[in-house]
PDB file of N, CA and C in Angstrom:
ATOM      1  N   MET A   1     -11.262   9.367   3.863  1.00  0.00           N
ATOM      2  CA  MET A   1     -10.101   8.658   3.383  1.00  0.00           C
ATOM      3  C   MET A   1     -10.107   7.261   3.954  1.00  0.00           C
ATOM      4  N   GLU A   2      -9.310   6.414   3.318  1.00  0.00           N
ATOM      5  CA  GLU A   2      -9.164   5.037   3.774  1.00  0.00           C
ATOM      6  C   GLU A   2      -7.674   4.764   3.969  1.00  0.00           C
ATOM      7  N   ILE A   3      -7.351   3.988   4.997  1.00  0.00           N
ATOM      8  CA  ILE A   3      -5.969   3.619   5.252  1.00  0.00           C
ATOM      9  C   ILE A   3      -5.877   2.104   5.315  1.00  0.00           C
ATOM     10  N   TRP A   4      -4.964   1.562   4.496  1.00  0.00           N
ATOM     11  CA  TRP A   4      -4.711   0.128   4.489  1.00  0.00           C
ATOM     12  C   TRP A   4      -3.622  -0.135   5.506  1.00  0.00           C
ATOM     13  N   ILE A   5      -3.932  -0.984   6.487  1.00  0.00           N
ATOM     14  CA  ILE A   5      -2.961  -1.239   7.552  1.00  0.00           C
ATOM     15  C   ILE A   5      -2.788  -2.721   7.843  1.00  0.00           C
ATOM     16  N   ASN A   6      -1.677  -2.995   8.472  1.00  0.00           N
ATOM     17  CA  ASN A   6      -1.409  -4.250   9.155  1.00  0.00           C
ATOM     18  C   ASN A   6      -1.253  -3.826  10.611  1.00  0.00           C
ATOM     19  N   PRO A   7      -2.143  -4.251  11.512  1.00  0.00           N
ATOM     20  CA  PRO A   7      -2.087  -3.779  12.893  1.00  0.00           C
ATOM     21  C   PRO A   7      -0.765  -4.092  13.600  1.00  0.00           C
ATOM     22  N   GLY A   8      -0.023  -5.069  13.101  1.00  0.00           N
ATOM     23  CA  GLY A   8       1.259  -5.402  13.701  1.00  0.00           C
ATOM     24  C   GLY A   8       2.407  -4.514  13.245  1.00  0.00           C
ATOM     25  N   CYS A   9       2.125  -3.575  12.369  1.00  0.00           N
ATOM     26  CA  CYS A   9       3.151  -2.708  11.775  1.00  0.00           C
ATOM     27  C   CYS A   9       3.256  -1.390  12.548  1.00  0.00           C
ATOM     28  N   SER A  10       4.456  -1.061  12.993  1.00  0.00           N
ATOM     29  CA  SER A  10       4.649   0.184  13.761  1.00  0.00           C
ATOM     30  C   SER A  10       4.391   1.418  12.903  1.00  0.00           C
ATOM     31  N   LYS A  11       4.715   1.370  11.618  1.00  0.00           N
ATOM     32  CA  LYS A  11       4.458   2.523  10.732  1.00  0.00           C
ATOM     33  C   LYS A  11       2.948   2.751  10.590  1.00  0.00           C
ATOM     34  N   CYS A  12       2.189   1.674  10.558  1.00  0.00           N
ATOM     35  CA  CYS A  12       0.729   1.794  10.466  1.00  0.00           C
ATOM     36  C   CYS A  12       0.163   2.400  11.745  1.00  0.00           C
ATOM     37  N   ARG A  13       0.639   1.925  12.882  1.00  0.00           N
ATOM     38  CA  ARG A  13       0.155   2.471  14.157  1.00  0.00           C
ATOM     39  C   ARG A  13       0.523   3.946  14.279  1.00  0.00           C
ATOM     40  N   SER A  14       1.702   4.310  13.835  1.00  0.00           N
ATOM     41  CA  SER A  14       2.122   5.714  13.861  1.00  0.00           C
ATOM     42  C   SER A  14       1.220   6.573  12.973  1.00  0.00           C
ATOM     43  N   ALA A  15       0.916   6.073  11.777  1.00  0.00           N
ATOM     44  CA  ALA A  15       0.038   6.813  10.865  1.00  0.00           C
ATOM     45  C   ALA A  15      -1.342   7.011  11.484  1.00  0.00           C
ATOM     46  N   LEU A  16      -1.872   5.966  12.119  1.00  0.00           N
ATOM     47  CA  LEU A  16      -3.177   6.091  12.770  1.00  0.00           C
ATOM     48  C   LEU A  16      -3.135   7.120  13.894  1.00  0.00           C
ATOM     49  N   SER A  17      -2.047   7.152  14.642  1.00  0.00           N
ATOM     50  CA  SER A  17      -1.901   8.131  15.729  1.00  0.00           C
ATOM     51  C   SER A  17      -1.929   9.550  15.191  1.00  0.00           C
ATOM     52  N   ILE A  18      -1.252   9.771  14.067  1.00  0.00           N
ATOM     53  CA  ILE A  18      -1.233  11.117  13.461  1.00  0.00           C
ATOM     54  C   ILE A  18      -2.633  11.488  12.987  1.00  0.00           C
ATOM     55  N   LEU A  19      -3.302  10.567  12.308  1.00  0.00           N
ATOM     56  CA  LEU A  19      -4.659  10.852  11.827  1.00  0.00           C
ATOM     57  C   LEU A  19      -5.596  11.135  12.992  1.00  0.00           C
ATOM     58  N   ASP A  20      -5.464  10.358  14.064  1.00  0.00           N
ATOM     59  CA  ASP A  20      -6.311  10.575  15.242  1.00  0.00           C
ATOM     60  C   ASP A  20      -6.008  11.922  15.896  1.00  0.00           C
ATOM     61  N   ALA A  21      -4.736  12.278  16.001  1.00  0.00           N
ATOM     62  CA  ALA A  21      -4.347  13.551  16.614  1.00  0.00           C
ATOM     63  C   ALA A  21      -4.890  14.733  15.825  1.00  0.00           C
ATOM     64  N   GLU A  22      -5.034  14.545  14.515  1.00  0.00           N
ATOM     65  CA  GLU A  22      -5.571  15.606  13.656  1.00  0.00           C
ATOM     66  C   GLU A  22      -7.084  15.511  13.477  1.00  0.00           C
ATOM     67  N   SER A  23      -7.712  14.591  14.194  1.00  0.00           N
ATOM     68  CA  SER A  23      -9.160  14.361  14.103  1.00  0.00           C
ATOM     69  C   SER A  23      -9.619  14.125  12.668  1.00  0.00           C
ATOM     70  N   ALA A  24      -8.796  13.412  11.920  1.00  0.00           N
ATOM     71  CA  ALA A  24      -9.132  13.109  10.528  1.00  0.00           C
ATOM     72  C   ALA A  24     -10.188  12.011  10.478  1.00  0.00           C
ATOM     73  N   GLY A  25     -11.076  12.131   9.531  1.00  0.00           N
ATOM     74  CA  GLY A  25     -12.063  11.084   9.306  1.00  0.00           C
ATOM     75  C   GLY A  25     -11.483  10.047   8.363  1.00  0.00           C
ATOM     76  N   TYR A  26     -11.521   8.800   8.774  1.00  0.00           N
ATOM     77  CA  TYR A  26     -10.967   7.747   7.926  1.00  0.00           C
ATOM     78  C   TYR A  26     -11.605   6.415   8.268  1.00  0.00           C
ATOM     79  N   THR A  27     -11.474   5.477   7.338  1.00  0.00           N
ATOM     80  CA  THR A  27     -11.852   4.101   7.593  1.00  0.00           C
ATOM     81  C   THR A  27     -10.592   3.252   7.499  1.00  0.00           C
ATOM     82  N   VAL A  28     -10.551   2.211   8.291  1.00  0.00           N
ATOM     83  CA  VAL A  28      -9.408   1.305   8.323  1.00  0.00           C
ATOM     84  C   VAL A  28      -9.731   0.073   7.502  1.00  0.00           C
ATOM     85  N   ARG A  29      -8.780  -0.306   6.682  1.00  0.00           N
ATOM     86  CA  ARG A  29      -8.888  -1.578   5.958  1.00  0.00           C
ATOM     87  C   ARG A  29      -7.694  -2.434   6.354  1.00  0.00           C
ATOM     88  N   ARG A  30      -7.980  -3.512   7.022  1.00  0.00           N
ATOM     89  CA  ARG A  30      -6.930  -4.470   7.372  1.00  0.00           C
ATOM     90  C   ARG A  30      -6.722  -5.340   6.136  1.00  0.00           C
ATOM     91  N   TYR A  31      -5.800  -4.905   5.305  1.00  0.00           N
ATOM     92  CA  TYR A  31      -5.687  -5.480   3.970  1.00  0.00           C
ATOM     93  C   TYR A  31      -5.219  -6.940   3.965  1.00  0.00           C
ATOM     94  N   LEU A  32      -4.680  -7.436   5.075  1.00  0.00           N
ATOM     95  CA  LEU A  32      -4.344  -8.859   5.122  1.00  0.00           C
ATOM     96  C   LEU A  32      -5.600  -9.703   5.298  1.00  0.00           C
ATOM     97  N   ASP A  33      -6.605  -9.153   6.005  1.00  0.00           N
ATOM     98  CA  ASP A  33      -7.887  -9.833   6.211  1.00  0.00           C
ATOM     99  C   ASP A  33      -8.864  -9.571   5.071  1.00  0.00           C
ATOM    100  N   ASP A  34      -8.717  -8.421   4.425  1.00  0.00           N
ATOM    101  CA  ASP A  34      -9.596  -7.983   3.343  1.00  0.00           C
ATOM    102  C   ASP A  34      -8.722  -7.520   2.175  1.00  0.00           C
ATOM    103  N   PRO A  35      -8.079  -8.491   1.492  1.00  0.00           N
ATOM    104  CA  PRO A  35      -7.115  -8.123   0.449  1.00  0.00           C
ATOM    105  C   PRO A  35      -7.763  -7.377  -0.715  1.00  0.00           C
ATOM    106  N   PRO A  36      -7.024  -6.419  -1.261  1.00  0.00           N
ATOM    107  CA  PRO A  36      -7.535  -5.706  -2.433  1.00  0.00           C
ATOM    108  C   PRO A  36      -7.506  -6.607  -3.670  1.00  0.00           C
ATOM    109  N   SER A  37      -8.438  -6.363  -4.554  1.00  0.00           N
ATOM    110  CA  SER A  37      -8.477  -7.096  -5.819  1.00  0.00           C
ATOM    111  C   SER A  37      -7.412  -6.539  -6.758  1.00  0.00           C
ATOM    112  N   GLU A  38      -7.193  -7.231  -7.848  1.00  0.00           N
ATOM    113  CA  GLU A  38      -6.242  -6.730  -8.846  1.00  0.00           C
ATOM    114  C   GLU A  38      -6.679  -5.359  -9.363  1.00  0.00           C
ATOM    115  N   ASP A  39      -7.982  -5.188  -9.594  1.00  0.00           N
ATOM    116  CA  ASP A  39      -8.463  -3.889 -10.079  1.00  0.00           C
ATOM    117  C   ASP A  39      -8.227  -2.784  -9.051  1.00  0.00           C
ATOM    118  N   GLU A  40      -8.473  -3.084  -7.775  1.00  0.00           N
ATOM    119  CA  GLU A  40      -8.214  -2.090  -6.726  1.00  0.00           C
ATOM    120  C   GLU A  40      -6.726  -1.733  -6.670  1.00  0.00           C
ATOM    121  N   LEU A  41      -5.882  -2.733  -6.809  1.00  0.00           N
ATOM    122  CA  LEU A  41      -4.442  -2.470  -6.795  1.00  0.00           C
ATOM    123  C   LEU A  41      -4.025  -1.605  -7.977  1.00  0.00           C
ATOM    124  N   ARG A  42      -4.569  -1.883  -9.147  1.00  0.00           N
ATOM    125  CA  ARG A  42      -4.251  -1.045 -10.317  1.00  0.00           C
ATOM    126  C   ARG A  42      -4.665   0.411 -10.062  1.00  0.00           C
ATOM    127  N   GLU A  43      -5.860   0.577  -9.487  1.00  0.00           N
ATOM    128  CA  GLU A  43      -6.341   1.929  -9.214  1.00  0.00           C
ATOM    129  C   GLU A  43      -5.437   2.633  -8.201  1.00  0.00           C
ATOM    130  N   VAL A  44      -5.081   1.962  -7.128  1.00  0.00           N
ATOM    131  CA  VAL A  44      -4.258   2.581  -6.089  1.00  0.00           C
ATOM    132  C   VAL A  44      -2.863   2.900  -6.608  1.00  0.00           C
ATOM    133  N   VAL A  45      -2.277   1.996  -7.350  1.00  0.00           N
ATOM    134  CA  VAL A  45      -0.947   2.254  -7.916  1.00  0.00           C
ATOM    135  C   VAL A  45      -1.013   3.478  -8.828  1.00  0.00           C
ATOM    136  N   GLY A  46      -2.079   3.581  -9.616  1.00  0.00           N
ATOM    137  CA  GLY A  46      -2.257   4.750 -10.471  1.00  0.00           C
ATOM    138  C   GLY A  46      -2.403   6.031  -9.664  1.00  0.00           C
ATOM    139  N   ARG A  47      -3.182   5.963  -8.595  1.00  0.00           N
ATOM    140  CA  ARG A  47      -3.367   7.141  -7.736  1.00  0.00           C
ATOM    141  C   ARG A  47      -2.067   7.545  -7.061  1.00  0.00           C
ATOM    142  N   LEU A  48      -1.243   6.547  -6.732  1.00  0.00           N
ATOM    143  CA  LEU A  48       0.055   6.833  -6.110  1.00  0.00           C
ATOM    144  C   LEU A  48       1.052   7.396  -7.116  1.00  0.00           C
ATOM    145  N   GLY A  49       0.807   7.137  -8.410  1.00  0.00           N
ATOM    146  CA  GLY A  49       1.768   7.543  -9.427  1.00  0.00           C
ATOM    147  C   GLY A  49       3.003   6.658  -9.413  1.00  0.00           C
ATOM    148  N   LEU A  50       2.807   5.401  -9.001  1.00  0.00           N
ATOM    149  CA  LEU A  50       3.914   4.453  -8.888  1.00  0.00           C
ATOM    150  C   LEU A  50       3.633   3.226  -9.742  1.00  0.00           C
ATOM    151  N   GLU A  51       4.596   2.327  -9.743  1.00  0.00           N
ATOM    152  CA  GLU A  51       4.435   1.031 -10.393  1.00  0.00           C
ATOM    153  C   GLU A  51       4.238  -0.014  -9.290  1.00  0.00           C
ATOM    154  N   PRO A  52       3.670  -1.163  -9.626  1.00  0.00           N
ATOM    155  CA  PRO A  52       3.430  -2.162  -8.577  1.00  0.00           C
ATOM    156  C   PRO A  52       4.709  -2.604  -7.863  1.00  0.00           C
ATOM    157  N   TRP A  53       5.814  -2.659  -8.566  1.00  0.00           N
ATOM    158  CA  TRP A  53       7.067  -3.059  -7.916  1.00  0.00           C
ATOM    159  C   TRP A  53       7.545  -2.013  -6.923  1.00  0.00           C
ATOM    160  N   ASP A  54       7.071  -0.775  -7.074  1.00  0.00           N
ATOM    161  CA  ASP A  54       7.439   0.288  -6.134  1.00  0.00           C
ATOM    162  C   ASP A  54       6.775   0.114  -4.770  1.00  0.00           C
ATOM    163  N   ILE A  55       5.673  -0.614  -4.727  1.00  0.00           N
ATOM    164  CA  ILE A  55       4.967  -0.824  -3.452  1.00  0.00           C
ATOM    165  C   ILE A  55       5.068  -2.271  -2.989  1.00  0.00           C
ATOM    166  N   THR A  56       6.032  -3.004  -3.514  1.00  0.00           N
ATOM    167  CA  THR A  56       6.210  -4.410  -3.155  1.00  0.00           C
ATOM    168  C   THR A  56       7.300  -4.545  -2.103  1.00  0.00           C
ATOM    169  N   ARG A  57       6.988  -5.271  -1.067  1.00  0.00           N
ATOM    170  CA  ARG A  57       7.942  -5.553   0.008  1.00  0.00           C
ATOM    171  C   ARG A  57       8.761  -6.779  -0.414  1.00  0.00           C
ATOM    172  N   THR A  58       9.816  -6.533  -1.166  1.00  0.00           N
ATOM    173  CA  THR A  58      10.598  -7.625  -1.750  1.00  0.00           C
ATOM    174  C   THR A  58      11.425  -8.384  -0.723  1.00  0.00           C
ATOM    175  N   GLY A  59      11.503  -7.889   0.493  1.00  0.00           N
ATOM    176  CA  GLY A  59      12.230  -8.595   1.539  1.00  0.00           C
ATOM    177  C   GLY A  59      11.398  -9.656   2.243  1.00  0.00           C
ATOM    178  N   GLU A  60      10.104  -9.677   1.980  1.00  0.00           N
ATOM    179  CA  GLU A  60       9.237 -10.686   2.598  1.00  0.00           C
ATOM    180  C   GLU A  60       9.604 -12.080   2.081  1.00  0.00           C
ATOM    181  N   GLN A  61       9.437 -13.079   2.922  1.00  0.00           N
ATOM    182  CA  GLN A  61       9.810 -14.453   2.564  1.00  0.00           C
ATOM    183  C   GLN A  61       9.128 -14.914   1.287  1.00  0.00           C
ATOM    184  N   VAL A  62       7.853 -14.610   1.120  1.00  0.00           N
ATOM    185  CA  VAL A  62       7.140 -15.053  -0.082  1.00  0.00           C
ATOM    186  C   VAL A  62       7.740 -14.400  -1.333  1.00  0.00           C
ATOM    187  N   ALA A  63       8.209 -13.167  -1.229  1.00  0.00           N
ATOM    188  CA  ALA A  63       8.850 -12.508  -2.378  1.00  0.00           C
ATOM    189  C   ALA A  63      10.148 -13.210  -2.741  1.00  0.00           C
ATOM    190  N   VAL A  64      10.879 -13.598  -1.720  1.00  0.00           N
ATOM    191  CA  VAL A  64      12.127 -14.338  -1.952  1.00  0.00           C
ATOM    192  C   VAL A  64      11.813 -15.673  -2.621  1.00  0.00           C
ATOM    193  N   GLU A  65      10.793 -16.371  -2.104  1.00  0.00           N
ATOM    194  CA  GLU A  65      10.413 -17.665  -2.667  1.00  0.00           C
ATOM    195  C   GLU A  65       9.964 -17.543  -4.116  1.00  0.00           C
ATOM    196  N   LEU A  66       9.299 -16.436  -4.446  1.00  0.00           N
ATOM    197  CA  LEU A  66       8.841 -16.199  -5.817  1.00  0.00           C
ATOM    198  C   LEU A  66       9.954 -15.696  -6.728  1.00  0.00           C
ATOM    199  N   GLY A  67      11.082 -15.314  -6.140  1.00  0.00           N
ATOM    200  CA  GLY A  67      12.188 -14.783  -6.940  1.00  0.00           C
ATOM    201  C   GLY A  67      11.902 -13.409  -7.513  1.00  0.00           C
ATOM    202  N   MET A  68      11.121 -12.603  -6.791  1.00  0.00           N
ATOM    203  CA  MET A  68      10.666 -11.319  -7.324  1.00  0.00           C
ATOM    204  C   MET A  68      11.803 -10.330  -7.624  1.00  0.00           C
ATOM    205  N   ASP A  69      12.918 -10.455  -6.944  1.00  0.00           N
ATOM    206  CA  ASP A  69      14.039  -9.569  -7.235  1.00  0.00           C
ATOM    207  C   ASP A  69      14.485  -9.684  -8.689  1.00  0.00           C
ATOM    208  N   ALA A  70      14.249 -10.836  -9.289  1.00  0.00           N
ATOM    209  CA  ALA A  70      14.662 -11.062 -10.675  1.00  0.00           C
ATOM    210  C   ALA A  70      13.549 -10.746 -11.683  1.00  0.00           C
ATOM    211  N   TRP A  71      12.353 -10.425 -11.187  1.00  0.00           N
ATOM    212  CA  TRP A  71      11.257 -10.130 -12.107  1.00  0.00           C
ATOM    213  C   TRP A  71      11.528  -8.820 -12.836  1.00  0.00           C
ATOM    214  N   PRO A  72      11.162  -8.751 -14.121  1.00  0.00           N
ATOM    215  CA  PRO A  72      11.357  -7.494 -14.852  1.00  0.00           C
ATOM    216  C   PRO A  72      10.487  -6.381 -14.280  1.00  0.00           C
ATOM    217  N   ARG A  73      11.045  -5.197 -14.296  1.00  0.00           N
ATOM    218  CA  ARG A  73      10.318  -4.003 -13.848  1.00  0.00           C
ATOM    219  C   ARG A  73      10.081  -3.133 -15.086  1.00  0.00           C
ATOM    220  N   GLU A  74       9.088  -3.559 -15.835  1.00  0.00           N
ATOM    221  CA  GLU A  74       8.751  -2.897 -17.092  1.00  0.00           C
ATOM    222  C   GLU A  74       7.251  -3.031 -17.318  1.00  0.00           C
ATOM    223  N   PRO A  75       6.698  -2.168 -18.181  1.00  0.00           N
ATOM    224  CA  PRO A  75       5.243  -2.164 -18.378  1.00  0.00           C
ATOM    225  C   PRO A  75       4.638  -3.530 -18.676  1.00  0.00           C
ATOM    226  N   GLY A  76       5.311  -4.350 -19.440  1.00  0.00           N
ATOM    227  CA  GLY A  76       4.773  -5.655 -19.790  1.00  0.00           C
ATOM    228  C   GLY A  76       4.662  -6.613 -18.617  1.00  0.00           C
ATOM    229  N   ALA A  77       5.328  -6.303 -17.521  1.00  0.00           N
ATOM    230  CA  ALA A  77       5.319  -7.179 -16.346  1.00  0.00           C
ATOM    231  C   ALA A  77       4.352  -6.709 -15.265  1.00  0.00           C
ATOM    232  N   ARG A  78       3.681  -5.575 -15.479  1.00  0.00           N
ATOM    233  CA  ARG A  78       2.787  -5.020 -14.448  1.00  0.00           C
ATOM    234  C   ARG A  78       1.760  -6.025 -13.956  1.00  0.00           C
ATOM    235  N   ASP A  79       1.104  -6.723 -14.885  1.00  0.00           N
ATOM    236  CA  ASP A  79       0.037  -7.652 -14.483  1.00  0.00           C
ATOM    237  C   ASP A  79       0.571  -8.769 -13.599  1.00  0.00           C
ATOM    238  N   ARG A  80       1.781  -9.233 -13.866  1.00  0.00           N
ATOM    239  CA  ARG A  80       2.381 -10.280 -13.038  1.00  0.00           C
ATOM    240  C   ARG A  80       2.587  -9.770 -11.611  1.00  0.00           C
ATOM    241  N   TRP A  81       3.079  -8.537 -11.475  1.00  0.00           N
ATOM    242  CA  TRP A  81       3.301  -7.943 -10.156  1.00  0.00           C
ATOM    243  C   TRP A  81       1.978  -7.734  -9.433  1.00  0.00           C
ATOM    244  N   ILE A  82       0.988  -7.200 -10.144  1.00  0.00           N
ATOM    245  CA  ILE A  82      -0.333  -6.947  -9.553  1.00  0.00           C
ATOM    246  C   ILE A  82      -0.946  -8.260  -9.064  1.00  0.00           C
ATOM    247  N   ALA A  83      -0.856  -9.303  -9.871  1.00  0.00           N
ATOM    248  CA  ALA A  83      -1.411 -10.604  -9.485  1.00  0.00           C
ATOM    249  C   ALA A  83      -0.731 -11.125  -8.222  1.00  0.00           C
ATOM    250  N   ALA A  84       0.571 -10.950  -8.138  1.00  0.00           N
ATOM    251  CA  ALA A  84       1.303 -11.415  -6.946  1.00  0.00           C
ATOM    252  C   ALA A  84       0.878 -10.638  -5.708  1.00  0.00           C
ATOM    253  N   LEU A  85       0.698  -9.327  -5.843  1.00  0.00           N
ATOM    254  CA  LEU A  85       0.257  -8.517  -4.703  1.00  0.00           C
ATOM    255  C   LEU A  85      -1.144  -8.915  -4.257  1.00  0.00           C
ATOM    256  N   ALA A  86      -2.029  -9.195  -5.212  1.00  0.00           N
ATOM    257  CA  ALA A  86      -3.401  -9.595  -4.877  1.00  0.00           C
ATOM    258  C   ALA A  86      -3.412 -10.972  -4.200  1.00  0.00           C
ATOM    259  N   GLU A  87      -2.559 -11.876  -4.678  1.00  0.00           N
ATOM    260  CA  GLU A  87      -2.519 -13.221  -4.118  1.00  0.00           C
ATOM    261  C   GLU A  87      -1.807 -13.272  -2.766  1.00  0.00           C
ATOM    262  N   HIS A  88      -0.816 -12.391  -2.585  1.00  0.00           N
ATOM    263  CA  HIS A  88      -0.009 -12.369  -1.364  1.00  0.00           C
ATOM    264  C   HIS A  88       0.007 -10.946  -0.798  1.00  0.00           C
ATOM    265  N   PRO A  89      -1.085 -10.515  -0.161  1.00  0.00           N
ATOM    266  CA  PRO A  89      -1.164  -9.117   0.281  1.00  0.00           C
ATOM    267  C   PRO A  89      -0.075  -8.703   1.278  1.00  0.00           C
ATOM    268  N   ILE A  90       0.591  -9.653   1.906  1.00  0.00           N
ATOM    269  CA  ILE A  90       1.694  -9.319   2.815  1.00  0.00           C
ATOM    270  C   ILE A  90       2.793  -8.567   2.055  1.00  0.00           C
ATOM    271  N   LEU A  91       2.801  -8.691   0.734  1.00  0.00           N
ATOM    272  CA  LEU A  91       3.813  -8.028  -0.091  1.00  0.00           C
ATOM    273  C   LEU A  91       3.543  -6.541  -0.302  1.00  0.00           C
ATOM    274  N   ILE A  92       2.352  -6.078   0.048  1.00  0.00           N
ATOM    275  CA  ILE A  92       1.988  -4.679  -0.206  1.00  0.00           C
ATOM    276  C   ILE A  92       2.614  -3.778   0.853  1.00  0.00           C
ATOM    277  N   GLN A  93       3.314  -2.760   0.379  1.00  0.00           N
ATOM    278  CA  GLN A  93       3.893  -1.760   1.287  1.00  0.00           C
ATOM    279  C   GLN A  93       2.767  -1.107   2.082  1.00  0.00           C
ATOM    280  N   ARG A  94       3.065  -0.718   3.280  1.00  0.00           N
ATOM    281  CA  ARG A  94       2.042  -0.166   4.162  1.00  0.00           C
ATOM    282  C   ARG A  94       2.596   0.963   5.002  1.00  0.00           C
ATOM    283  N   PRO A  95       1.727   1.803   5.520  1.00  0.00           N
ATOM    284  CA  PRO A  95       0.296   1.941   5.221  1.00  0.00           C
ATOM    285  C   PRO A  95       0.093   2.718   3.922  1.00  0.00           C
ATOM    286  N   ILE A  96      -1.001   2.449   3.271  1.00  0.00           N
ATOM    287  CA  ILE A  96      -1.394   3.222   2.088  1.00  0.00           C
ATOM    288  C   ILE A  96      -2.650   3.989   2.457  1.00  0.00           C
ATOM    289  N   ILE A  97      -2.606   5.291   2.205  1.00  0.00           N
ATOM    290  CA  ILE A  97      -3.737   6.169   2.508  1.00  0.00           C
ATOM    291  C   ILE A  97      -4.297   6.681   1.187  1.00  0.00           C
ATOM    292  N   THR A  98      -5.592   6.457   0.978  1.00  0.00           N
ATOM    293  CA  THR A  98      -6.269   6.985  -0.201  1.00  0.00           C
ATOM    294  C   THR A  98      -7.234   8.076   0.274  1.00  0.00           C
ATOM    295  N   ALA A  99      -7.052   9.251  -0.278  1.00  0.00           N
ATOM    296  CA  ALA A  99      -7.871  10.393   0.124  1.00  0.00           C
ATOM    297  C   ALA A  99      -9.082  10.538  -0.792  1.00  0.00           C
ATOM    298  N   ASP A 100     -10.088  11.219  -0.273  1.00  0.00           N
ATOM    299  CA  ASP A 100     -11.324  11.413  -1.028  1.00  0.00           C
ATOM    300  C   ASP A 100     -11.124  12.242  -2.289  1.00  0.00           C
ATOM    301  N   ASP A 101     -10.046  13.039  -2.336  1.00  0.00           N
ATOM    302  CA  ASP A 101      -9.796  13.887  -3.513  1.00  0.00           C
ATOM    303  C   ASP A 101      -9.122  13.112  -4.656  1.00  0.00           C
ATOM    304  N   GLY A 102      -8.912  11.802  -4.470  1.00  0.00           N
ATOM    305  CA  GLY A 102      -8.306  10.985  -5.516  1.00  0.00           C
ATOM    306  C   GLY A 102      -6.820  10.765  -5.343  1.00  0.00           C
ATOM    307  N   SER A 103      -6.210  11.466  -4.411  1.00  0.00           N
ATOM    308  CA  SER A 103      -4.781  11.288  -4.184  1.00  0.00           C
ATOM    309  C   SER A 103      -4.540  10.072  -3.285  1.00  0.00           C
ATOM    310  N   ALA A 104      -3.303   9.652  -3.224  1.00  0.00           N
ATOM    311  CA  ALA A 104      -2.922   8.536  -2.358  1.00  0.00           C
ATOM    312  C   ALA A 104      -1.455   8.689  -1.993  1.00  0.00           C
ATOM    313  N   VAL A 105      -1.084   8.163  -0.827  1.00  0.00           N
ATOM    314  CA  VAL A 105       0.307   8.183  -0.381  1.00  0.00           C
ATOM    315  C   VAL A 105       0.619   6.879   0.333  1.00  0.00           C
ATOM    316  N   VAL A 106       1.893   6.511   0.283  1.00  0.00           N
ATOM    317  CA  VAL A 106       2.397   5.454   1.145  1.00  0.00           C
ATOM    318  C   VAL A 106       2.865   6.190   2.390  1.00  0.00           C
ATOM    319  N   GLY A 107       2.155   5.982   3.499  1.00  0.00           N
ATOM    320  CA  GLY A 107       2.352   6.784   4.703  1.00  0.00           C
ATOM    321  C   GLY A 107       3.420   6.258   5.646  1.00  0.00           C
ATOM    322  N   ARG A 108       4.620   6.062   5.154  1.00  0.00           N
ATOM    323  CA  ARG A 108       5.686   5.527   6.001  1.00  0.00           C
ATOM    324  C   ARG A 108       6.410   6.601   6.798  1.00  0.00           C
ATOM    325  N   THR A 109       6.160   7.870   6.481  1.00  0.00           N
ATOM    326  CA  THR A 109       6.753   8.964   7.248  1.00  0.00           C
ATOM    327  C   THR A 109       5.648   9.889   7.734  1.00  0.00           C
ATOM    328  N   GLU A 110       5.951  10.650   8.765  1.00  0.00           N
ATOM    329  CA  GLU A 110       4.976  11.623   9.260  1.00  0.00           C
ATOM    330  C   GLU A 110       4.602  12.615   8.173  1.00  0.00           C
ATOM    331  N   GLU A 111       5.589  13.047   7.399  1.00  0.00           N
ATOM    332  CA  GLU A 111       5.336  14.018   6.333  1.00  0.00           C
ATOM    333  C   GLU A 111       4.360  13.459   5.296  1.00  0.00           C
ATOM    334  N   ALA A 112       4.549  12.193   4.928  1.00  0.00           N
ATOM    335  CA  ALA A 112       3.658  11.572   3.947  1.00  0.00           C
ATOM    336  C   ALA A 112       2.241  11.487   4.488  1.00  0.00           C
ATOM    337  N   VAL A 113       2.090  11.093   5.747  1.00  0.00           N
ATOM    338  CA  VAL A 113       0.755  10.999   6.338  1.00  0.00           C
ATOM    339  C   VAL A 113       0.108  12.381   6.358  1.00  0.00           C
ATOM    340  N   ARG A 114       0.854  13.375   6.782  1.00  0.00           N
ATOM    341  CA  ARG A 114       0.301  14.733   6.844  1.00  0.00           C
ATOM    342  C   ARG A 114      -0.065  15.268   5.466  1.00  0.00           C
ATOM    343  N   SER A 115       0.645  14.834   4.429  1.00  0.00           N
ATOM    344  CA  SER A 115       0.324  15.294   3.068  1.00  0.00           C
ATOM    345  C   SER A 115      -1.052  14.802   2.644  1.00  0.00           C
ATOM    346  N   ALA A 116      -1.503  13.674   3.197  1.00  0.00           N
ATOM    347  CA  ALA A 116      -2.836  13.157   2.878  1.00  0.00           C
ATOM    348  C   ALA A 116      -3.931  13.995   3.523  1.00  0.00           C
ATOM    349  N   LEU A 117      -3.576  14.811   4.492  1.00  0.00           N
ATOM    350  CA  LEU A 117      -4.559  15.630   5.207  1.00  0.00           C
ATOM    351  C   LEU A 117      -4.836  16.959   4.524  1.00  0.00           C
ATOM    352  N   LYS A 118      -4.045  17.308   3.547  1.00  0.00           N
ATOM    353  CA  LYS A 118      -4.189  18.616   2.891  1.00  0.00           C
ATOM    354  C   LYS A 118      -5.272  18.619   1.846  1.00  0.00           C
TER     355      LYS A 118
END
């Protein structure tokens, strides 16, 4: 599995602690240093079963500056959201865990992280 993290994020550090305690095999992607492409974001959003606006940190300053709260949340706007996430990876909710079986979770809770281990 792979986990997208921001090392400064307490939820990311907590998720890593759980994975380590369970001796899970994983690779770390520091997505701020190695941002995902638009295609990768489309794939991950699909694996999560979510829309791009569902994984957007709209409270971030760049989201406020872009006026994202007013952006439409509809199928026709997906590409605009994906492009913004690719251009400004700080907007991506974290941590995101992608499992080898094709599933993915936003690991903000212990339960979510543990669900990636099943």
